[in-house]
N, C-alpha and C. Protein backbone atom coordinates (compact mmCIF):
# COMPACT_ATOMS: atom_id res chain seq x y z
N MET A 1 0.85 -1.18 0.00
CA MET A 1 0.00 0.00 0.00
C MET A 1 0.89 1.24 0.00
N LEU A 2 0.50 2.25 -0.76
CA LEU A 2 1.21 3.51 -0.81
C LEU A 2 0.35 4.56 -0.13
N ALA A 3 0.95 5.32 0.78
CA ALA A 3 0.24 6.39 1.48
C ALA A 3 0.91 7.72 1.18
N TYR A 4 0.16 8.78 1.29
CA TYR A 4 0.63 10.13 1.00
C TYR A 4 0.61 10.92 2.30
N PHE A 5 1.80 11.29 2.79
CA PHE A 5 1.94 12.00 4.05
C PHE A 5 2.28 13.47 3.78
N THR A 6 1.65 14.37 4.52
CA THR A 6 1.92 15.80 4.37
C THR A 6 2.21 16.41 5.73
N ALA A 7 3.10 17.38 5.72
CA ALA A 7 3.40 18.17 6.92
C ALA A 7 3.40 19.63 6.50
N THR A 8 3.53 20.53 7.45
CA THR A 8 3.59 21.95 7.11
C THR A 8 4.83 22.22 6.27
N ASN A 9 4.79 23.27 5.48
CA ASN A 9 5.95 23.66 4.68
C ASN A 9 7.10 24.06 5.60
N ASP A 10 8.34 23.93 5.10
CA ASP A 10 9.48 24.33 5.91
C ASP A 10 9.57 25.86 5.96
N SER A 11 10.57 26.38 6.67
CA SER A 11 10.68 27.83 6.88
C SER A 11 10.90 28.60 5.59
N ASP A 12 11.37 27.93 4.55
CA ASP A 12 11.57 28.58 3.25
C ASP A 12 10.35 28.42 2.34
N GLY A 13 9.31 27.80 2.84
CA GLY A 13 8.10 27.61 2.06
C GLY A 13 8.08 26.36 1.19
N ASN A 14 9.10 25.52 1.31
CA ASN A 14 9.16 24.29 0.52
C ASN A 14 8.20 23.25 1.09
N PRO A 15 7.53 22.52 0.22
CA PRO A 15 6.56 21.52 0.70
C PRO A 15 7.25 20.34 1.38
N ARG A 16 6.57 19.79 2.37
CA ARG A 16 7.03 18.56 3.03
C ARG A 16 5.93 17.53 2.83
N ARG A 17 6.06 16.82 1.72
CA ARG A 17 5.10 15.77 1.39
C ARG A 17 5.88 14.57 0.87
N ALA A 18 5.36 13.39 1.16
CA ALA A 18 6.08 12.18 0.73
C ALA A 18 5.11 11.04 0.50
N PHE A 19 5.51 10.18 -0.42
CA PHE A 19 4.80 8.92 -0.66
C PHE A 19 5.56 7.85 0.11
N VAL A 20 4.83 7.06 0.88
CA VAL A 20 5.46 6.05 1.74
C VAL A 20 4.83 4.69 1.45
N LYS A 21 5.67 3.73 1.16
CA LYS A 21 5.23 2.34 0.96
C LYS A 21 5.07 1.72 2.33
N LEU A 22 3.91 1.13 2.57
CA LEU A 22 3.61 0.50 3.86
C LEU A 22 3.48 -1.00 3.67
N SER A 23 3.97 -1.73 4.66
CA SER A 23 3.81 -3.18 4.70
C SER A 23 3.31 -3.52 6.09
N ASP A 24 2.14 -4.11 6.16
CA ASP A 24 1.50 -4.40 7.45
C ASP A 24 1.39 -3.15 8.31
N GLY A 25 1.15 -2.01 7.66
CA GLY A 25 0.97 -0.75 8.38
C GLY A 25 2.25 -0.07 8.79
N ARG A 26 3.39 -0.64 8.44
CA ARG A 26 4.68 -0.04 8.81
C ARG A 26 5.37 0.51 7.57
N PRO A 27 6.01 1.67 7.72
CA PRO A 27 6.70 2.26 6.56
C PRO A 27 7.95 1.48 6.21
N ILE A 28 8.14 1.21 4.91
CA ILE A 28 9.34 0.48 4.49
C ILE A 28 10.14 1.24 3.43
N ALA A 29 9.53 2.22 2.77
CA ALA A 29 10.25 3.02 1.76
C ALA A 29 9.56 4.36 1.63
N CYS A 30 10.34 5.39 1.26
CA CYS A 30 9.80 6.74 1.17
C CYS A 30 10.35 7.44 -0.06
N TRP A 31 9.47 8.19 -0.72
CA TRP A 31 9.85 9.04 -1.85
C TRP A 31 9.35 10.44 -1.54
N PRO A 32 10.22 11.37 -1.10
CA PRO A 32 9.78 12.75 -0.89
C PRO A 32 9.23 13.33 -2.20
N GLU A 33 8.11 14.01 -2.13
CA GLU A 33 7.45 14.51 -3.33
C GLU A 33 8.18 15.70 -3.94
N GLY A 34 8.65 16.61 -3.11
CA GLY A 34 9.24 17.83 -3.66
C GLY A 34 8.22 18.53 -4.53
N TYR A 35 8.63 18.90 -5.73
CA TYR A 35 7.70 19.54 -6.67
C TYR A 35 7.34 18.59 -7.81
N SER A 36 7.62 17.30 -7.63
CA SER A 36 7.39 16.32 -8.70
C SER A 36 6.00 15.73 -8.72
N GLY A 37 5.23 15.90 -7.66
CA GLY A 37 3.91 15.28 -7.60
C GLY A 37 4.03 13.77 -7.60
N HIS A 38 3.07 13.10 -8.23
CA HIS A 38 3.08 11.64 -8.22
C HIS A 38 4.21 11.06 -9.07
N HIS A 39 4.95 11.91 -9.78
CA HIS A 39 6.10 11.44 -10.56
C HIS A 39 7.33 11.19 -9.68
N ALA A 40 7.23 11.47 -8.40
CA ALA A 40 8.35 11.23 -7.48
C ALA A 40 8.59 9.73 -7.26
N VAL A 41 7.59 8.92 -7.52
CA VAL A 41 7.71 7.48 -7.32
C VAL A 41 8.04 6.79 -8.64
N PRO A 42 8.55 5.56 -8.59
CA PRO A 42 8.81 4.83 -9.84
C PRO A 42 7.52 4.66 -10.66
N GLY A 43 7.67 4.53 -11.96
CA GLY A 43 6.52 4.43 -12.86
C GLY A 43 5.51 3.37 -12.48
N SER A 44 6.00 2.25 -11.94
CA SER A 44 5.09 1.16 -11.58
C SER A 44 4.17 1.52 -10.42
N LEU A 45 4.49 2.59 -9.67
CA LEU A 45 3.68 2.99 -8.52
C LEU A 45 2.89 4.28 -8.76
N ARG A 46 2.99 4.85 -9.95
CA ARG A 46 2.39 6.17 -10.18
C ARG A 46 0.88 6.19 -10.04
N ALA A 47 0.21 5.18 -10.55
CA ALA A 47 -1.25 5.16 -10.42
C ALA A 47 -1.65 5.08 -8.95
N GLU A 48 -0.93 4.27 -8.19
CA GLU A 48 -1.21 4.15 -6.75
C GLU A 48 -0.90 5.46 -6.04
N ALA A 49 0.19 6.14 -6.43
CA ALA A 49 0.56 7.42 -5.82
C ALA A 49 -0.51 8.48 -6.12
N TYR A 50 -0.97 8.51 -7.35
CA TYR A 50 -2.00 9.47 -7.74
C TYR A 50 -3.27 9.25 -6.91
N ALA A 51 -3.64 8.00 -6.71
CA ALA A 51 -4.82 7.69 -5.89
C ALA A 51 -4.59 8.06 -4.43
N ALA A 52 -3.38 7.84 -3.93
CA ALA A 52 -3.08 8.15 -2.52
C ALA A 52 -3.19 9.64 -2.23
N MET A 53 -2.94 10.48 -3.25
CA MET A 53 -3.00 11.93 -3.05
C MET A 53 -4.42 12.40 -2.70
N ALA A 54 -5.41 11.59 -2.99
CA ALA A 54 -6.80 11.94 -2.67
C ALA A 54 -7.07 11.82 -1.17
N TRP A 55 -6.23 11.07 -0.45
CA TRP A 55 -6.42 10.83 0.97
C TRP A 55 -5.14 11.14 1.74
N PRO A 56 -4.73 12.41 1.79
CA PRO A 56 -3.48 12.74 2.48
C PRO A 56 -3.58 12.50 3.99
N ILE A 57 -2.47 12.10 4.56
CA ILE A 57 -2.37 11.87 6.00
C ILE A 57 -1.47 12.96 6.56
N THR A 58 -2.01 13.81 7.41
CA THR A 58 -1.25 14.91 7.98
C THR A 58 -0.42 14.42 9.15
N VAL A 59 0.87 14.75 9.13
CA VAL A 59 1.79 14.37 10.20
C VAL A 59 2.59 15.59 10.63
N THR A 60 3.29 15.47 11.74
CA THR A 60 4.14 16.56 12.19
C THR A 60 5.41 16.62 11.33
N ALA A 61 6.10 17.74 11.41
CA ALA A 61 7.37 17.89 10.68
C ALA A 61 8.38 16.85 11.16
N ALA A 62 8.37 16.52 12.44
CA ALA A 62 9.30 15.52 12.99
C ALA A 62 9.01 14.14 12.40
N THR A 63 7.75 13.78 12.31
CA THR A 63 7.39 12.49 11.72
C THR A 63 7.77 12.46 10.24
N TYR A 64 7.54 13.55 9.53
CA TYR A 64 7.94 13.63 8.13
C TYR A 64 9.45 13.39 8.01
N GLY A 65 10.23 14.00 8.89
CA GLY A 65 11.68 13.80 8.87
C GLY A 65 12.06 12.34 9.08
N LYS A 66 11.37 11.66 9.98
CA LYS A 66 11.63 10.24 10.20
C LYS A 66 11.31 9.42 8.96
N LEU A 67 10.21 9.75 8.33
CA LEU A 67 9.83 9.02 7.12
C LEU A 67 10.87 9.21 6.02
N CYS A 68 11.39 10.41 5.90
CA CYS A 68 12.36 10.69 4.84
C CYS A 68 13.70 10.02 5.08
N ARG A 69 13.95 9.53 6.27
CA ARG A 69 15.18 8.79 6.54
C ARG A 69 15.12 7.37 5.97
N LEU A 70 13.94 6.92 5.62
CA LEU A 70 13.81 5.62 4.96
C LEU A 70 14.37 5.76 3.56
N GLU A 71 15.13 4.79 3.12
CA GLU A 71 15.70 4.86 1.79
C GLU A 71 14.66 4.51 0.72
N SER A 72 14.75 5.22 -0.38
CA SER A 72 13.94 4.87 -1.53
C SER A 72 14.58 3.68 -2.21
N PRO A 73 13.81 2.70 -2.64
CA PRO A 73 14.39 1.55 -3.34
C PRO A 73 15.17 1.97 -4.59
N ASP A 74 14.90 3.15 -5.14
CA ASP A 74 15.63 3.62 -6.32
C ASP A 74 17.11 3.81 -6.03
N TYR A 75 17.47 4.02 -4.77
CA TYR A 75 18.85 4.33 -4.43
C TYR A 75 19.69 3.09 -4.15
N TRP A 76 19.06 1.92 -4.06
CA TRP A 76 19.81 0.71 -3.74
C TRP A 76 20.70 0.30 -4.89
N GLN A 77 21.89 -0.14 -4.57
CA GLN A 77 22.82 -0.63 -5.59
C GLN A 77 22.85 -2.15 -5.52
N GLY A 78 23.02 -2.78 -6.66
CA GLY A 78 23.15 -4.23 -6.67
C GLY A 78 21.88 -4.93 -6.26
N ASP A 79 22.03 -5.98 -5.49
CA ASP A 79 20.88 -6.76 -5.05
C ASP A 79 20.00 -5.95 -4.10
N ARG A 80 18.73 -6.06 -4.31
CA ARG A 80 17.79 -5.37 -3.44
C ARG A 80 17.61 -6.18 -2.16
N PRO A 81 17.49 -5.51 -1.03
CA PRO A 81 17.30 -6.24 0.21
C PRO A 81 15.96 -6.97 0.24
N SER A 82 15.89 -7.97 1.05
CA SER A 82 14.65 -8.73 1.18
C SER A 82 13.60 -7.90 1.90
N THR A 83 12.37 -8.32 1.83
CA THR A 83 11.29 -7.64 2.53
C THR A 83 11.55 -7.62 4.03
N VAL A 84 12.09 -8.70 4.56
CA VAL A 84 12.41 -8.76 6.00
C VAL A 84 13.43 -7.69 6.35
N ALA A 85 14.45 -7.51 5.50
CA ALA A 85 15.47 -6.49 5.75
C ALA A 85 14.85 -5.09 5.71
N LEU A 86 13.92 -4.87 4.79
CA LEU A 86 13.24 -3.58 4.70
C LEU A 86 12.42 -3.30 5.95
N ILE A 87 11.68 -4.28 6.38
CA ILE A 87 10.85 -4.10 7.57
C ILE A 87 11.72 -3.86 8.79
N ASN A 88 12.81 -4.59 8.91
CA ASN A 88 13.71 -4.38 10.05
C ASN A 88 14.33 -2.99 10.03
N ALA A 89 14.69 -2.49 8.84
CA ALA A 89 15.23 -1.13 8.72
C ALA A 89 14.18 -0.10 9.14
N ALA A 90 12.94 -0.30 8.72
CA ALA A 90 11.87 0.61 9.10
C ALA A 90 11.65 0.60 10.60
N ARG A 91 11.71 -0.56 11.20
CA ARG A 91 11.53 -0.66 12.64
C ARG A 91 12.64 0.07 13.39
N ARG A 92 13.87 0.00 12.87
CA ARG A 92 14.97 0.73 13.51
C ARG A 92 14.73 2.23 13.44
N VAL A 93 14.30 2.73 12.29
CA VAL A 93 14.04 4.16 12.14
C VAL A 93 12.95 4.61 13.10
N TRP A 94 11.93 3.81 13.26
CA TRP A 94 10.80 4.18 14.11
C TRP A 94 11.01 3.79 15.57
N GLY A 95 12.20 3.24 15.90
CA GLY A 95 12.48 2.86 17.27
C GLY A 95 11.69 1.67 17.75
N LEU A 96 11.31 0.78 16.83
CA LEU A 96 10.49 -0.37 17.19
C LEU A 96 11.31 -1.66 17.23
N ALA A 97 12.59 -1.58 16.87
CA ALA A 97 13.41 -2.79 16.83
C ALA A 97 13.97 -3.11 18.19
C-alpha cells in the first residue's frame, strides 16, 4: 500500500510531502514529493501514488523527517534487500526494533 503524508511547509516555504510504501501498516520506503507530484515514485507505482493523493495523512514535521530517513528503493545498488530487511530497517528508524 502507498500512502501520502503531508506536513507543514518548511521555513523557506518548501513543501514537506512524501509517498510512503507500507507493509502491514509499517513504513518500508519513502519518496519525498518535492515539486514532482506523483512522478516522485517509480513508474510502476504512479497510479497508486495518484490515488493516494486523494487521501493525504497529515503528520508533524518531525514524523515527516523520520519518514524521509527511509531509503527509496531507487537508491539501492546491486541486489535489493529482502522484505524482511526492509521491515527491520523501518523498525529501527521508528524505534520499534
